[in-house]
Amino acid sequence: MEIEVAFESIGSMDFKQNINYMGTNCKLDSTADGFNVLLDGENKETNISILRDIWEIDFLYNGFFRKPLKYSVDGHKENVKLLFFLPFYKTSKIWVDCSRPLVSDEYSFEFEVLKTYSEVRNRGRASNSMLKAIFNSFYYLHSEAYEHININHTLAMFLNICDGFISNTTVMSKNIKANISAIIGKSLDSKSVKNMADLLGIGRSKMYDALLAERNEIDHYIIQKGSLSQYVETSGTCAGDYILWYFTFVVELALRVAILKYIGLECDEHLIEDALNQINDWAILGGELQGNCQIPANRVIQELRKKGIYFK
């Protein structure tokens, strides 16, 4: 059985890969016109499983699920809607708009990558692991289905995933606060994130306490002193409007980096830095914070604002 899917283009990265995996010949072709996946194997379920793995790995690289434009089985055109096996394959516009790639060179979908990803991603209760649920939750939080969910809930879910990911992938798991710190600290420049916590009125030393308190408050519906929501309520400035979204974007980015590294895929450190700078600059400009933007175009905006020139 031959399955062919043409996904939308999201850049000009060109690469071709031919892989034989689980008895299926996989031909991947990426150009400025799009990303094409051709799978030729006898077992339909195996072909579909491989397609889903490729689609999900591509999500981790780019931050959202590409839209499928064409779908055919043995040369016969099929409705692309049939490819949305689960609701999370439709990414919310919020995450599409703010997504940043984490790999600059040729994307890797080699045999070992597919094998490792599939094994890790599908570890469930039978193997005494919750990783399958963690991956599903991570993808669902980006979906159209979650687009209008309260941002406090979304952030709390991401924080729970931080805790769960560390607990299910390392023997060094300590407590929730330490696990959240491990995800952010090992994936991103934590100094930069803590500097932003200062600018947002939380304080460097209280950042992880505030994240933990926010998680506990939303999970247990018990008001927690020092939660992010408390800082939002008492902020008194427009900066408060950016606190929850800022940390949601930061934690999401840290998780994506952590997952990629865990399955053995190296991220481009410059792209990670750029992605974090984009988030920081967004909060600085939107919340009118005193920090200095790092992205050149945003520095220009800051300089113009100092002269009283604002753009909508």
Protein backbone atom coordinates (compact mmCIF):
# COMPACT_ATOMS: atom_id res chain seq x y z
CA MET A 1 0.00 0.00 0.00
CA GLU A 2 1.32 3.43 -0.97
CA ILE A 3 0.38 6.52 1.04
CA GLU A 4 1.36 9.99 -0.11
CA VAL A 5 0.79 13.23 1.80
CA ALA A 6 1.74 16.74 0.72
CA PHE A 7 2.09 19.15 3.64
CA GLU A 8 2.21 22.94 3.49
CA SER A 9 5.49 24.78 3.10
CA ILE A 10 6.80 26.66 6.12
CA GLY A 11 10.20 27.70 4.80
CA SER A 12 12.82 27.12 2.17
CA MET A 13 14.63 24.17 3.76
CA ASP A 14 15.52 21.61 1.07
CA PHE A 15 16.28 18.00 1.91
CA LYS A 16 15.58 14.50 0.67
CA GLN A 17 15.64 11.35 2.78
CA ASN A 18 14.98 7.75 1.86
CA ILE A 19 14.53 5.33 4.76
CA ASN A 20 13.44 1.75 5.16
CA TYR A 21 11.66 1.47 8.49
CA MET A 22 9.51 -1.37 9.81
CA GLY A 23 9.21 -2.84 6.32
CA THR A 24 8.05 0.46 4.81
CA ASN A 25 10.01 2.49 2.29
CA CYS A 26 9.83 6.12 3.37
CA LYS A 27 10.64 8.89 0.92
CA LEU A 28 10.71 12.42 2.34
CA ASP A 29 11.13 15.46 0.11
CA SER A 30 11.16 19.03 1.42
CA THR A 31 11.36 22.09 -0.84
CA ALA A 32 10.14 25.69 -0.77
CA ASP A 33 6.88 24.35 -2.21
CA GLY A 34 6.13 21.98 0.65
CA PHE A 35 6.96 18.81 2.53
CA ASN A 36 6.03 15.55 0.81
CA VAL A 37 5.90 12.15 2.50
CA LEU A 38 5.62 8.95 0.46
CA LEU A 39 5.25 5.67 2.36
CA ASP A 40 5.23 2.34 0.56
CA GLY A 41 4.62 -0.76 2.66
CA GLU A 42 2.25 -3.72 2.87
CA ASN A 43 0.78 -2.93 6.28
CA LYS A 44 -1.64 0.02 6.32
CA GLU A 45 -1.56 0.46 10.10
CA THR A 46 2.24 0.53 10.07
CA ASN A 47 2.25 3.15 7.32
CA ILE A 48 -0.20 5.33 9.25
CA SER A 49 1.81 4.94 12.46
CA ILE A 50 5.00 6.04 10.68
CA LEU A 51 3.19 9.01 9.13
CA ARG A 52 2.00 10.12 12.55
CA ASP A 53 5.52 9.83 14.00
CA ILE A 54 6.97 11.92 11.16
CA TRP A 55 4.24 14.52 11.57
CA GLU A 56 4.81 14.74 15.32
CA ILE A 57 8.60 14.97 15.07
CA ASP A 58 8.13 17.78 12.55
CA PHE A 59 5.94 19.48 15.16
CA LEU A 60 8.76 19.31 17.71
CA TYR A 61 11.13 20.86 15.19
CA ASN A 62 8.79 23.71 14.28
CA GLY A 63 6.25 24.17 17.07
CA PHE A 64 3.04 23.28 15.23
CA PHE A 65 1.48 20.65 12.99
CA ARG A 66 1.74 21.49 9.32
CA LYS A 67 -1.52 21.41 7.39
CA PRO A 68 -1.86 18.50 4.96
CA LEU A 69 -2.83 19.75 1.51
CA LYS A 70 -3.11 16.50 -0.46
CA TYR A 71 -3.61 12.88 0.53
CA SER A 72 -3.69 9.81 -1.67
CA VAL A 73 -3.76 6.04 -1.14
CA ASP A 74 -2.47 3.84 -3.98
CA GLY A 75 -2.84 6.78 -6.35
CA HIS A 76 -6.44 7.52 -5.37
CA LYS A 77 -7.19 10.96 -3.97
CA GLU A 78 -8.53 10.97 -0.39
CA ASN A 79 -10.05 13.69 1.79
CA VAL A 80 -7.28 15.28 3.90
CA LYS A 81 -9.70 15.41 6.83
CA LEU A 82 -9.13 11.68 7.20
CA LEU A 83 -5.59 12.46 8.37
CA PHE A 84 -6.75 14.21 11.53
CA PHE A 85 -6.70 10.97 13.49
CA LEU A 86 -6.86 12.96 16.74
CA PRO A 87 -8.03 16.56 17.34
CA PHE A 88 -4.56 17.75 18.35
CA TYR A 89 -3.29 17.53 14.77
CA LYS A 90 -5.04 20.87 14.17
CA THR A 91 -2.85 23.47 15.84
CA SER A 92 -4.35 26.66 17.25
CA LYS A 93 -3.51 29.87 15.36
CA ILE A 94 -2.04 31.23 18.61
CA TRP A 95 0.74 28.65 18.54
CA VAL A 96 1.22 28.77 14.78
CA ASP A 97 1.76 32.53 14.92
CA CYS A 98 4.29 32.40 17.77
CA SER A 99 6.11 29.24 16.70
CA ARG A 100 9.86 29.23 16.14
CA PRO A 101 11.99 26.47 14.54
CA LEU A 102 14.60 24.86 16.77
CA VAL A 103 16.63 23.13 14.05
CA SER A 104 18.37 25.05 11.26
CA ASP A 105 20.05 22.30 9.27
CA GLU A 106 18.45 19.33 7.55
CA TYR A 107 15.67 17.79 9.60
CA SER A 108 16.45 14.25 10.65
CA PHE A 109 13.90 11.48 10.19
CA GLU A 110 16.45 8.71 10.02
CA PHE A 111 15.78 5.15 11.14
CA GLU A 112 17.14 5.64 14.66
CA VAL A 113 15.20 8.91 15.09
CA LEU A 114 11.89 7.29 14.14
CA LYS A 115 12.63 4.21 16.25
CA THR A 116 13.60 6.20 19.35
CA TYR A 117 10.71 8.64 19.05
CA SER A 118 8.13 5.88 18.61
CA GLU A 119 9.50 3.91 21.56
CA VAL A 120 9.62 6.92 23.90
CA ARG A 121 6.37 8.50 22.77
CA ASN A 122 4.39 5.27 23.24
CA ARG A 123 5.60 4.30 26.70
CA GLY A 124 2.37 3.76 28.60
CA ARG A 125 0.99 2.06 31.65
CA ALA A 126 2.10 -1.37 30.41
CA SER A 127 5.71 -0.20 30.68
CA ASN A 128 5.08 1.58 34.00
CA SER A 129 5.33 4.98 32.33
CA MET A 130 3.09 7.98 31.65
CA LEU A 131 5.05 9.34 28.69
CA LYS A 132 2.32 8.50 26.18
CA ALA A 133 -0.15 10.59 28.15
CA ILE A 134 2.44 13.37 28.53
CA PHE A 135 3.04 13.58 24.77
CA ASN A 136 -0.68 13.55 24.04
CA SER A 137 -1.32 16.29 26.59
CA PHE A 138 1.52 18.41 25.22
CA TYR A 139 0.11 18.23 21.71
CA TYR A 140 -3.48 18.81 22.84
CA LEU A 141 -2.51 22.02 24.64
CA HIS A 142 -1.48 23.45 21.24
CA SER A 143 -4.66 22.40 19.49
CA GLU A 144 -7.67 24.33 18.27
CA ALA A 145 -9.68 22.35 20.81
CA TYR A 146 -7.77 24.12 23.63
CA GLU A 147 -7.64 27.53 21.99
CA HIS A 148 -10.19 29.15 24.30
CA ILE A 149 -9.22 27.39 27.51
CA ASN A 150 -8.31 29.69 30.41
CA ILE A 151 -4.61 30.61 30.19
CA ASN A 152 -4.10 29.77 33.89
CA HIS A 153 -5.20 26.21 33.16
CA THR A 154 -2.95 25.93 30.11
CA LEU A 155 0.08 27.11 32.08
CA ALA A 156 -0.72 24.77 34.98
CA MET A 157 -0.94 21.86 32.52
CA PHE A 158 2.45 22.74 31.02
CA LEU A 159 3.92 22.90 34.53
CA ASN A 160 2.45 19.48 35.33
CA ILE A 161 4.01 18.15 32.14
CA CYS A 162 7.40 19.50 33.30
CA ASP A 163 7.01 17.57 36.54
CA GLY A 164 5.76 14.45 34.80
CA PHE A 165 8.43 14.48 32.12
CA ILE A 166 11.26 14.62 34.63
CA SER A 167 9.57 12.02 36.84
CA ASN A 168 9.20 9.62 33.91
CA THR A 169 12.62 10.11 32.31
CA THR A 170 15.12 10.37 35.14
CA VAL A 171 15.90 8.86 38.53
CA MET A 172 16.98 12.33 39.66
CA SER A 173 13.38 13.51 40.13
CA LYS A 174 13.04 15.33 43.44
CA ASN A 175 9.93 17.47 43.80
CA ILE A 176 7.62 19.52 41.61
CA LYS A 177 9.50 22.80 42.02
CA ALA A 178 12.86 21.14 41.31
CA ASN A 179 11.46 19.38 38.24
CA ILE A 180 10.06 22.61 36.80
CA SER A 181 13.41 24.26 37.47
CA ALA A 182 15.22 21.40 35.73
CA ILE A 183 13.17 21.75 32.55
CA ILE A 184 13.63 25.52 32.31
CA GLY A 185 17.21 25.62 33.60
CA LYS A 186 18.54 22.87 31.34
CA SER A 187 16.66 23.93 28.23
CA LEU A 188 16.89 27.72 28.27
CA ASP A 189 19.04 30.57 29.55
CA SER A 190 17.48 30.70 33.01
CA LYS A 191 19.32 33.95 33.78
CA SER A 192 17.44 35.62 30.93
CA VAL A 193 14.10 34.22 32.16
CA LYS A 194 14.80 35.35 35.73
CA ASN A 195 15.70 38.84 34.49
CA MET A 196 12.27 38.95 32.84
CA ALA A 197 10.67 37.81 36.10
CA ASP A 198 12.28 40.87 37.71
CA LEU A 199 10.93 43.17 34.99
CA LEU A 200 7.45 41.67 35.41
CA GLY A 201 7.52 42.45 39.12
CA ILE A 202 7.95 38.91 40.44
CA GLY A 203 11.61 38.87 41.36
CA ARG A 204 14.37 36.49 40.34
CA SER A 205 14.50 34.58 43.60
CA LYS A 206 10.72 34.08 43.72
CA MET A 207 10.18 32.93 40.14
CA TYR A 208 10.07 29.17 40.71
CA ASP A 209 8.03 29.62 43.89
CA ALA A 210 5.52 31.66 41.89
CA LEU A 211 5.33 29.00 39.18
CA LEU A 212 4.80 26.24 41.73
CA ALA A 213 2.16 28.28 43.56
CA GLU A 214 0.33 28.93 40.29
CA ARG A 215 0.31 25.24 39.49
CA ASN A 216 -0.98 24.33 42.97
CA GLU A 217 -3.62 27.06 42.91
CA ILE A 218 -5.13 25.91 39.60
CA ASP A 219 -4.77 22.19 40.31
CA HIS A 220 -6.37 22.29 43.75
CA TYR A 221 -8.54 25.42 43.57
CA ILE A 222 -6.95 26.78 46.72
CA ILE A 223 -5.61 30.34 46.70
CA GLN A 224 -1.82 30.29 47.00
CA LYS A 225 0.18 33.19 48.34
CA GLY A 226 2.77 34.35 45.81
CA SER A 227 1.18 32.69 42.77
CA LEU A 228 1.56 34.28 39.34
CA SER A 229 -2.15 35.11 39.41
CA GLN A 230 -1.63 37.06 42.62
CA TYR A 231 1.10 39.10 40.92
CA VAL A 232 -1.26 39.73 38.01
CA GLU A 233 -3.98 40.95 40.38
CA THR A 234 -1.69 43.27 42.33
CA SER A 235 0.48 44.46 39.47
CA GLY A 236 -1.31 47.73 38.82
CA THR A 237 0.42 48.11 35.44
CA CYS A 238 -0.06 46.73 31.95
CA ALA A 239 2.89 44.43 32.67
CA GLY A 240 0.51 42.28 34.68
CA ASP A 241 -1.40 41.41 31.52
CA TYR A 242 1.69 39.66 30.18
CA ILE A 243 2.76 37.58 33.17
CA LEU A 244 0.72 34.43 32.53
CA TRP A 245 1.22 34.37 28.77
CA TYR A 246 4.94 35.09 29.13
CA PHE A 247 5.54 32.08 31.36
CA THR A 248 3.23 29.92 29.25
CA PHE A 249 5.34 30.64 26.17
CA VAL A 250 8.59 30.12 28.10
CA VAL A 251 7.58 26.81 29.69
CA GLU A 252 6.25 25.51 26.36
CA LEU A 253 9.54 26.35 24.63
CA ALA A 254 11.57 24.73 27.41
CA LEU A 255 9.50 21.56 27.16
CA ARG A 256 9.91 21.33 23.40
CA VAL A 257 13.69 21.67 23.75
CA ALA A 258 13.75 19.08 26.55
CA ILE A 259 11.76 16.56 24.51
CA LEU A 260 13.92 16.98 21.42
CA LYS A 261 17.09 16.52 23.43
CA TYR A 262 15.72 13.49 25.25
CA ILE A 263 14.99 11.66 22.00
CA GLY A 264 18.51 12.47 20.80
CA LEU A 265 17.89 15.40 18.46
CA GLU A 266 20.23 18.32 18.88
CA CYS A 267 18.66 21.78 18.75
CA ASP A 268 20.42 24.81 17.30
CA GLU A 269 21.43 26.82 20.38
CA HIS A 270 21.26 30.07 18.39
CA LEU A 271 17.66 29.30 17.42
CA ILE A 272 16.77 28.51 21.05
CA GLU A 273 18.28 31.84 22.08
CA ASP A 274 16.41 33.62 19.28
CA ALA A 275 13.11 31.99 20.25
CA LEU A 276 13.53 33.07 23.89
CA ASN A 277 14.54 36.58 22.81
CA GLN A 278 11.38 36.82 20.71
CA ILE A 279 9.27 35.94 23.75
CA ASN A 280 11.19 38.36 25.98
CA ASP A 281 10.93 41.20 23.46
CA TRP A 282 7.21 40.57 23.01
CA ALA A 283 6.67 41.03 26.77
CA ILE A 284 9.00 44.03 26.99
CA LEU A 285 7.28 45.89 24.15
CA GLY A 286 3.73 44.86 25.01
CA GLY A 287 4.09 45.38 28.75
CA GLU A 288 6.19 48.54 28.29
CA LEU A 289 8.90 47.10 30.52
CA GLN A 290 12.24 48.76 31.17
CA GLY A 291 14.40 45.99 29.67
CA ASN A 292 16.30 46.17 26.40
CA CYS A 293 15.05 44.21 23.41
CA GLN A 294 17.52 41.81 21.76
CA ILE A 295 16.00 41.37 18.31
CA PRO A 296 17.32 44.19 16.02
CA ALA A 297 13.89 45.07 14.62
CA ASN A 298 12.49 45.34 18.16
CA ARG A 299 15.39 47.57 19.21
CA VAL A 300 14.38 49.97 16.45
CA ILE A 301 10.82 50.01 17.79
CA GLN A 302 12.15 50.80 21.27
CA GLU A 303 14.26 53.67 19.97
CA LEU A 304 11.30 55.10 18.07
CA ARG A 305 9.12 54.88 21.18
CA LYS A 306 11.71 56.89 23.11
CA LYS A 307 11.11 59.60 20.51
CA GLY A 308 7.38 59.37 20.96
CA ILE A 309 6.77 57.43 17.77
CA TYR A 310 4.40 54.48 18.13
CA PHE A 311 3.03 52.02 15.58
CA LYS A 312 -0.19 50.04 15.85
